[in-house]
Amino acid sequence: MRLLLVEDDQRTADYVVRGLTEAGHVCDLLRDGHDALFAATSGAYDVIIADRMIPGLDGLSMVKA
């Protein structure tokens, strides 16, 4: 499964990416909501995991867009 993680905290991002990768998933990491929204529209991801408090466009606003 291809996943997009949107997380600005380095420690949290490292932990989540490691776990998802060990579970056999391909995981891309972005740190900004605007970049994530652009990437999400590509349709390349099966699942998007977004932090609610990220720079640019927060996770909730990103989902609403």
PDB file of N, CA and C in Angstrom:
ATOM      1  N   MET A   1       0.855  -1.169   0.000  1.00  0.00           N
ATOM      2  CA  MET A   1       0.000   0.000   0.000  1.00  0.00           C
ATOM      3  C   MET A   1       0.904   1.236   0.000  1.00  0.00           C
ATOM      4  N   ARG A   2       0.544   2.237  -0.756  1.00  0.00           N
ATOM      5  CA  ARG A   2       1.321   3.482  -0.806  1.00  0.00           C
ATOM      6  C   ARG A   2       0.642   4.536   0.067  1.00  0.00           C
ATOM      7  N   LEU A   3       1.415   5.072   1.002  1.00  0.00           N
ATOM      8  CA  LEU A   3       0.891   6.011   1.983  1.00  0.00           C
ATOM      9  C   LEU A   3       1.609   7.350   1.904  1.00  0.00           C
ATOM     10  N   LEU A   4       0.869   8.402   2.204  1.00  0.00           N
ATOM     11  CA  LEU A   4       1.445   9.737   2.344  1.00  0.00           C
ATOM     12  C   LEU A   4       1.275  10.154   3.794  1.00  0.00           C
ATOM     13  N   LEU A   5       2.385  10.461   4.442  1.00  0.00           N
ATOM     14  CA  LEU A   5       2.364  10.962   5.815  1.00  0.00           C
ATOM     15  C   LEU A   5       2.673  12.446   5.776  1.00  0.00           C
ATOM     16  N   VAL A   6       1.820  13.235   6.413  1.00  0.00           N
ATOM     17  CA  VAL A   6       2.022  14.680   6.500  1.00  0.00           C
ATOM     18  C   VAL A   6       2.253  15.002   7.975  1.00  0.00           C
ATOM     19  N   GLU A   7       3.511  15.249   8.311  1.00  0.00           N
ATOM     20  CA  GLU A   7       3.900  15.438   9.714  1.00  0.00           C
ATOM     21  C   GLU A   7       5.115  16.356   9.772  1.00  0.00           C
ATOM     22  N   ASP A   8       5.044  17.398  10.579  1.00  0.00           N
ATOM     23  CA  ASP A   8       6.161  18.338  10.669  1.00  0.00           C
ATOM     24  C   ASP A   8       7.125  18.034  11.814  1.00  0.00           C
ATOM     25  N   ASP A   9       6.735  17.209  12.753  1.00  0.00           N
ATOM     26  CA  ASP A   9       7.606  16.856  13.871  1.00  0.00           C
ATOM     27  C   ASP A   9       8.523  15.697  13.457  1.00  0.00           C
ATOM     28  N   GLN A  10       9.823  15.938  13.467  1.00  0.00           N
ATOM     29  CA  GLN A  10      10.787  14.954  12.967  1.00  0.00           C
ATOM     30  C   GLN A  10      10.721  13.633  13.723  1.00  0.00           C
ATOM     31  N   ARG A  11      10.657  13.690  15.036  1.00  0.00           N
ATOM     32  CA  ARG A  11      10.640  12.465  15.839  1.00  0.00           C
ATOM     33  C   ARG A  11       9.404  11.622  15.528  1.00  0.00           C
ATOM     34  N   THR A  12       8.257  12.258  15.482  1.00  0.00           N
ATOM     35  CA  THR A  12       7.022  11.539  15.166  1.00  0.00           C
ATOM     36  C   THR A  12       7.076  10.964  13.758  1.00  0.00           C
ATOM     37  N   ALA A  13       7.546  11.766  12.813  1.00  0.00           N
ATOM     38  CA  ALA A  13       7.637  11.314  11.421  1.00  0.00           C
ATOM     39  C   ALA A  13       8.542  10.089  11.307  1.00  0.00           C
ATOM     40  N   ASP A  14       9.703  10.133  11.939  1.00  0.00           N
ATOM     41  CA  ASP A  14      10.627   8.997  11.890  1.00  0.00           C
ATOM     42  C   ASP A  14       9.981   7.736  12.449  1.00  0.00           C
ATOM     43  N   TYR A  15       9.304   7.874  13.570  1.00  0.00           N
ATOM     44  CA  TYR A  15       8.656   6.736  14.227  1.00  0.00           C
ATOM     45  C   TYR A  15       7.569   6.123  13.337  1.00  0.00           C
ATOM     46  N   VAL A  16       6.716   6.966  12.784  1.00  0.00           N
ATOM     47  CA  VAL A  16       5.602   6.479  11.967  1.00  0.00           C
ATOM     48  C   VAL A  16       6.110   5.874  10.658  1.00  0.00           C
ATOM     49  N   VAL A  17       7.036   6.554   9.995  1.00  0.00           N
ATOM     50  CA  VAL A  17       7.580   6.032   8.731  1.00  0.00           C
ATOM     51  C   VAL A  17       8.251   4.679   8.965  1.00  0.00           C
ATOM     52  N   ARG A  18       9.020   4.561  10.023  1.00  0.00           N
ATOM     53  CA  ARG A  18       9.683   3.296  10.328  1.00  0.00           C
ATOM     54  C   ARG A  18       8.662   2.173  10.513  1.00  0.00           C
ATOM     55  N   GLY A  19       7.628   2.442  11.291  1.00  0.00           N
ATOM     56  CA  GLY A  19       6.611   1.423  11.528  1.00  0.00           C
ATOM     57  C   GLY A  19       5.867   1.020  10.268  1.00  0.00           C
ATOM     58  N   LEU A  20       5.509   1.997   9.462  1.00  0.00           N
ATOM     59  CA  LEU A  20       4.781   1.698   8.227  1.00  0.00           C
ATOM     60  C   LEU A  20       5.655   0.948   7.229  1.00  0.00           C
ATOM     61  N   THR A  21       6.922   1.327   7.151  1.00  0.00           N
ATOM     62  CA  THR A  21       7.848   0.653   6.242  1.00  0.00           C
ATOM     63  C   THR A  21       8.090  -0.784   6.691  1.00  0.00           C
ATOM     64  N   GLU A  22       8.267  -0.983   7.986  1.00  0.00           N
ATOM     65  CA  GLU A  22       8.461  -2.336   8.512  1.00  0.00           C
ATOM     66  C   GLU A  22       7.237  -3.210   8.278  1.00  0.00           C
ATOM     67  N   ALA A  23       6.066  -2.587   8.191  1.00  0.00           N
ATOM     68  CA  ALA A  23       4.832  -3.331   7.931  1.00  0.00           C
ATOM     69  C   ALA A  23       4.647  -3.620   6.438  1.00  0.00           C
ATOM     70  N   GLY A  24       5.613  -3.173   5.614  1.00  0.00           N
ATOM     71  CA  GLY A  24       5.571  -3.486   4.196  1.00  0.00           C
ATOM     72  C   GLY A  24       4.971  -2.424   3.303  1.00  0.00           C
ATOM     73  N   HIS A  25       4.716  -1.253   3.841  1.00  0.00           N
ATOM     74  CA  HIS A  25       4.122  -0.175   3.054  1.00  0.00           C
ATOM     75  C   HIS A  25       5.200   0.753   2.490  1.00  0.00           C
ATOM     76  N   VAL A  26       4.860   1.418   1.406  1.00  0.00           N
ATOM     77  CA  VAL A  26       5.706   2.472   0.853  1.00  0.00           C
ATOM     78  C   VAL A  26       5.170   3.772   1.430  1.00  0.00           C
ATOM     79  N   CYS A  27       6.031   4.550   2.056  1.00  0.00           N
ATOM     80  CA  CYS A  27       5.578   5.745   2.761  1.00  0.00           C
ATOM     81  C   CYS A  27       6.367   6.968   2.314  1.00  0.00           C
ATOM     82  N   ASP A  28       5.666   7.961   1.806  1.00  0.00           N
ATOM     83  CA  ASP A  28       6.269   9.248   1.470  1.00  0.00           C
ATOM     84  C   ASP A  28       5.941  10.230   2.583  1.00  0.00           C
ATOM     85  N   LEU A  29       6.875  11.117   2.868  1.00  0.00           N
ATOM     86  CA  LEU A  29       6.711  12.086   3.950  1.00  0.00           C
ATOM     87  C   LEU A  29       6.752  13.502   3.401  1.00  0.00           C
ATOM     88  N   LEU A  30       5.766  14.294   3.771  1.00  0.00           N
ATOM     89  CA  LEU A  30       5.759  15.725   3.485  1.00  0.00           C
ATOM     90  C   LEU A  30       5.504  16.456   4.792  1.00  0.00           C
ATOM     91  N   ARG A  31       5.984  17.694   4.883  1.00  0.00           N
ATOM     92  CA  ARG A  31       5.898  18.449   6.131  1.00  0.00           C
ATOM     93  C   ARG A  31       4.999  19.669   6.051  1.00  0.00           C
ATOM     94  N   ASP A  32       4.395  19.910   4.909  1.00  0.00           N
ATOM     95  CA  ASP A  32       3.589  21.110   4.697  1.00  0.00           C
ATOM     96  C   ASP A  32       2.257  20.724   4.066  1.00  0.00           C
ATOM     97  N   GLY A  33       1.182  21.330   4.559  1.00  0.00           N
ATOM     98  CA  GLY A  33      -0.151  21.002   4.065  1.00  0.00           C
ATOM     99  C   GLY A  33      -0.379  21.344   2.609  1.00  0.00           C
ATOM    100  N   HIS A  34       0.179  22.457   2.146  1.00  0.00           N
ATOM    101  CA  HIS A  34       0.001  22.839   0.741  1.00  0.00           C
ATOM    102  C   HIS A  34       0.681  21.827  -0.183  1.00  0.00           C
ATOM    103  N   ASP A  35       1.901  21.415   0.173  1.00  0.00           N
ATOM    104  CA  ASP A  35       2.604  20.407  -0.621  1.00  0.00           C
ATOM    105  C   ASP A  35       1.838  19.088  -0.610  1.00  0.00           C
ATOM    106  N   ALA A  36       1.298  18.735   0.544  1.00  0.00           N
ATOM    107  CA  ALA A  36       0.551  17.489   0.671  1.00  0.00           C
ATOM    108  C   ALA A  36      -0.726  17.512  -0.162  1.00  0.00           C
ATOM    109  N   LEU A  37      -1.418  18.634  -0.176  1.00  0.00           N
ATOM    110  CA  LEU A  37      -2.640  18.742  -0.976  1.00  0.00           C
ATOM    111  C   LEU A  37      -2.313  18.555  -2.453  1.00  0.00           C
ATOM    112  N   PHE A  38      -1.235  19.165  -2.908  1.00  0.00           N
ATOM    113  CA  PHE A  38      -0.811  19.009  -4.297  1.00  0.00           C
ATOM    114  C   PHE A  38      -0.487  17.542  -4.589  1.00  0.00           C
ATOM    115  N   ALA A  39       0.258  16.894  -3.702  1.00  0.00           N
ATOM    116  CA  ALA A  39       0.625  15.490  -3.888  1.00  0.00           C
ATOM    117  C   ALA A  39      -0.603  14.586  -3.851  1.00  0.00           C
ATOM    118  N   ALA A  40      -1.539  14.897  -2.973  1.00  0.00           N
ATOM    119  CA  ALA A  40      -2.742  14.070  -2.833  1.00  0.00           C
ATOM    120  C   ALA A  40      -3.587  14.077  -4.099  1.00  0.00           C
ATOM    121  N   THR A  41      -3.574  15.175  -4.818  1.00  0.00           N
ATOM    122  CA  THR A  41      -4.391  15.257  -6.034  1.00  0.00           C
ATOM    123  C   THR A  41      -3.817  14.421  -7.169  1.00  0.00           C
ATOM    124  N   SER A  42      -2.603  13.921  -7.011  1.00  0.00           N
ATOM    125  CA  SER A  42      -2.006  13.071  -8.043  1.00  0.00           C
ATOM    126  C   SER A  42      -2.694  11.715  -8.107  1.00  0.00           C
ATOM    127  N   GLY A  43      -3.366  11.338  -7.020  1.00  0.00           N
ATOM    128  CA  GLY A  43      -4.052  10.053  -6.979  1.00  0.00           C
ATOM    129  C   GLY A  43      -3.121   8.874  -6.759  1.00  0.00           C
ATOM    130  N   ALA A  44      -1.872   9.139  -6.402  1.00  0.00           N
ATOM    131  CA  ALA A  44      -0.879   8.077  -6.256  1.00  0.00           C
ATOM    132  C   ALA A  44      -0.945   7.360  -4.908  1.00  0.00           C
ATOM    133  N   TYR A  45      -1.757   7.859  -3.983  1.00  0.00           N
ATOM    134  CA  TYR A  45      -1.753   7.328  -2.623  1.00  0.00           C
ATOM    135  C   TYR A  45      -3.041   6.581  -2.302  1.00  0.00           C
ATOM    136  N   ASP A  46      -2.865   5.465  -1.597  1.00  0.00           N
ATOM    137  CA  ASP A  46      -4.009   4.691  -1.119  1.00  0.00           C
ATOM    138  C   ASP A  46      -4.552   5.276   0.177  1.00  0.00           C
ATOM    139  N   VAL A  47      -3.646   5.809   1.007  1.00  0.00           N
ATOM    140  CA  VAL A  47      -4.014   6.364   2.309  1.00  0.00           C
ATOM    141  C   VAL A  47      -3.178   7.620   2.561  1.00  0.00           C
ATOM    142  N   ILE A  48      -3.815   8.625   3.151  1.00  0.00           N
ATOM    143  CA  ILE A  48      -3.107   9.836   3.558  1.00  0.00           C
ATOM    144  C   ILE A  48      -3.303  10.000   5.061  1.00  0.00           C
ATOM    145  N   ILE A  49      -2.199  10.120   5.776  1.00  0.00           N
ATOM    146  CA  ILE A  49      -2.228  10.332   7.221  1.00  0.00           C
ATOM    147  C   ILE A  49      -1.689  11.735   7.464  1.00  0.00           C
ATOM    148  N   ALA A  50      -2.526  12.610   8.008  1.00  0.00           N
ATOM    149  CA  ALA A  50      -2.127  14.009   8.168  1.00  0.00           C
ATOM    150  C   ALA A  50      -2.285  14.468   9.612  1.00  0.00           C
ATOM    151  N   ASP A  51      -1.267  15.133  10.094  1.00  0.00           N
ATOM    152  CA  ASP A  51      -1.301  15.787  11.397  1.00  0.00           C
ATOM    153  C   ASP A  51      -2.301  16.945  11.318  1.00  0.00           C
ATOM    154  N   ARG A  52      -2.973  17.234  12.401  1.00  0.00           N
ATOM    155  CA  ARG A  52      -3.918  18.354  12.399  1.00  0.00           C
ATOM    156  C   ARG A  52      -3.222  19.701  12.469  1.00  0.00           C
ATOM    157  N   MET A  53      -2.023  19.744  13.025  1.00  0.00           N
ATOM    158  CA  MET A  53      -1.310  21.013  13.217  1.00  0.00           C
ATOM    159  C   MET A  53      -0.017  20.982  12.405  1.00  0.00           C
ATOM    160  N   ILE A  54      -0.105  21.328  11.121  1.00  0.00           N
ATOM    161  CA  ILE A  54       1.061  21.365  10.247  1.00  0.00           C
ATOM    162  C   ILE A  54       1.154  22.728   9.577  1.00  0.00           C
ATOM    163  N   PRO A  55       2.348  23.111   9.152  1.00  0.00           N
ATOM    164  CA  PRO A  55       2.515  24.416   8.499  1.00  0.00           C
ATOM    165  C   PRO A  55       1.759  24.503   7.172  1.00  0.00           C
ATOM    166  N   GLY A  56       1.384  25.702   6.826  1.00  0.00           N
ATOM    167  CA  GLY A  56       0.755  25.957   5.531  1.00  0.00           C
ATOM    168  C   GLY A  56      -0.736  25.753   5.552  1.00  0.00           C
ATOM    169  N   LEU A  57      -1.147  24.534   5.583  1.00  0.00           N
ATOM    170  CA  LEU A  57      -2.561  24.175   5.543  1.00  0.00           C
ATOM    171  C   LEU A  57      -2.725  23.020   6.511  1.00  0.00           C
ATOM    172  N   ASP A  58      -3.490  23.203   7.582  1.00  0.00           N
ATOM    173  CA  ASP A  58      -3.590  22.141   8.581  1.00  0.00           C
ATOM    174  C   ASP A  58      -4.310  20.922   8.012  1.00  0.00           C
ATOM    175  N   GLY A  59      -4.130  19.787   8.670  1.00  0.00           N
ATOM    176  CA  GLY A  59      -4.672  18.525   8.180  1.00  0.00           C
ATOM    177  C   GLY A  59      -6.167  18.549   7.936  1.00  0.00           C
ATOM    178  N   LEU A  60      -6.927  19.151   8.822  1.00  0.00           N
ATOM    179  CA  LEU A  60      -8.378  19.202   8.665  1.00  0.00           C
ATOM    180  C   LEU A  60      -8.772  20.044   7.455  1.00  0.00           C
ATOM    181  N   SER A  61      -8.138  21.183   7.281  1.00  0.00           N
ATOM    182  CA  SER A  61      -8.422  22.031   6.116  1.00  0.00           C
ATOM    183  C   SER A  61      -8.004  21.343   4.824  1.00  0.00           C
ATOM    184  N   MET A  62      -6.922  20.584   4.886  1.00  0.00           N
ATOM    185  CA  MET A  62      -6.464  19.856   3.715  1.00  0.00           C
ATOM    186  C   MET A  62      -7.508  18.831   3.283  1.00  0.00           C
ATOM    187  N   VAL A  63      -8.091  18.124   4.228  1.00  0.00           N
ATOM    188  CA  VAL A  63      -9.118  17.128   3.916  1.00  0.00           C
ATOM    189  C   VAL A  63     -10.358  17.797   3.336  1.00  0.00           C
ATOM    190  N   LYS A  64     -10.735  18.931   3.876  1.00  0.00           N
ATOM    191  CA  LYS A  64     -11.915  19.647   3.383  1.00  0.00           C
ATOM    192  C   LYS A  64     -11.720  20.178   1.968  1.00  0.00           C
ATOM    193  N   ALA A  65     -10.466  20.490   1.611  1.00  0.00           N
ATOM    194  CA  ALA A  65     -10.185  21.030   0.271  1.00  0.00           C
ATOM    195  C   ALA A  65     -10.308  19.920  -0.735  1.00  0.00           C
TER     196      ALA A  65
END
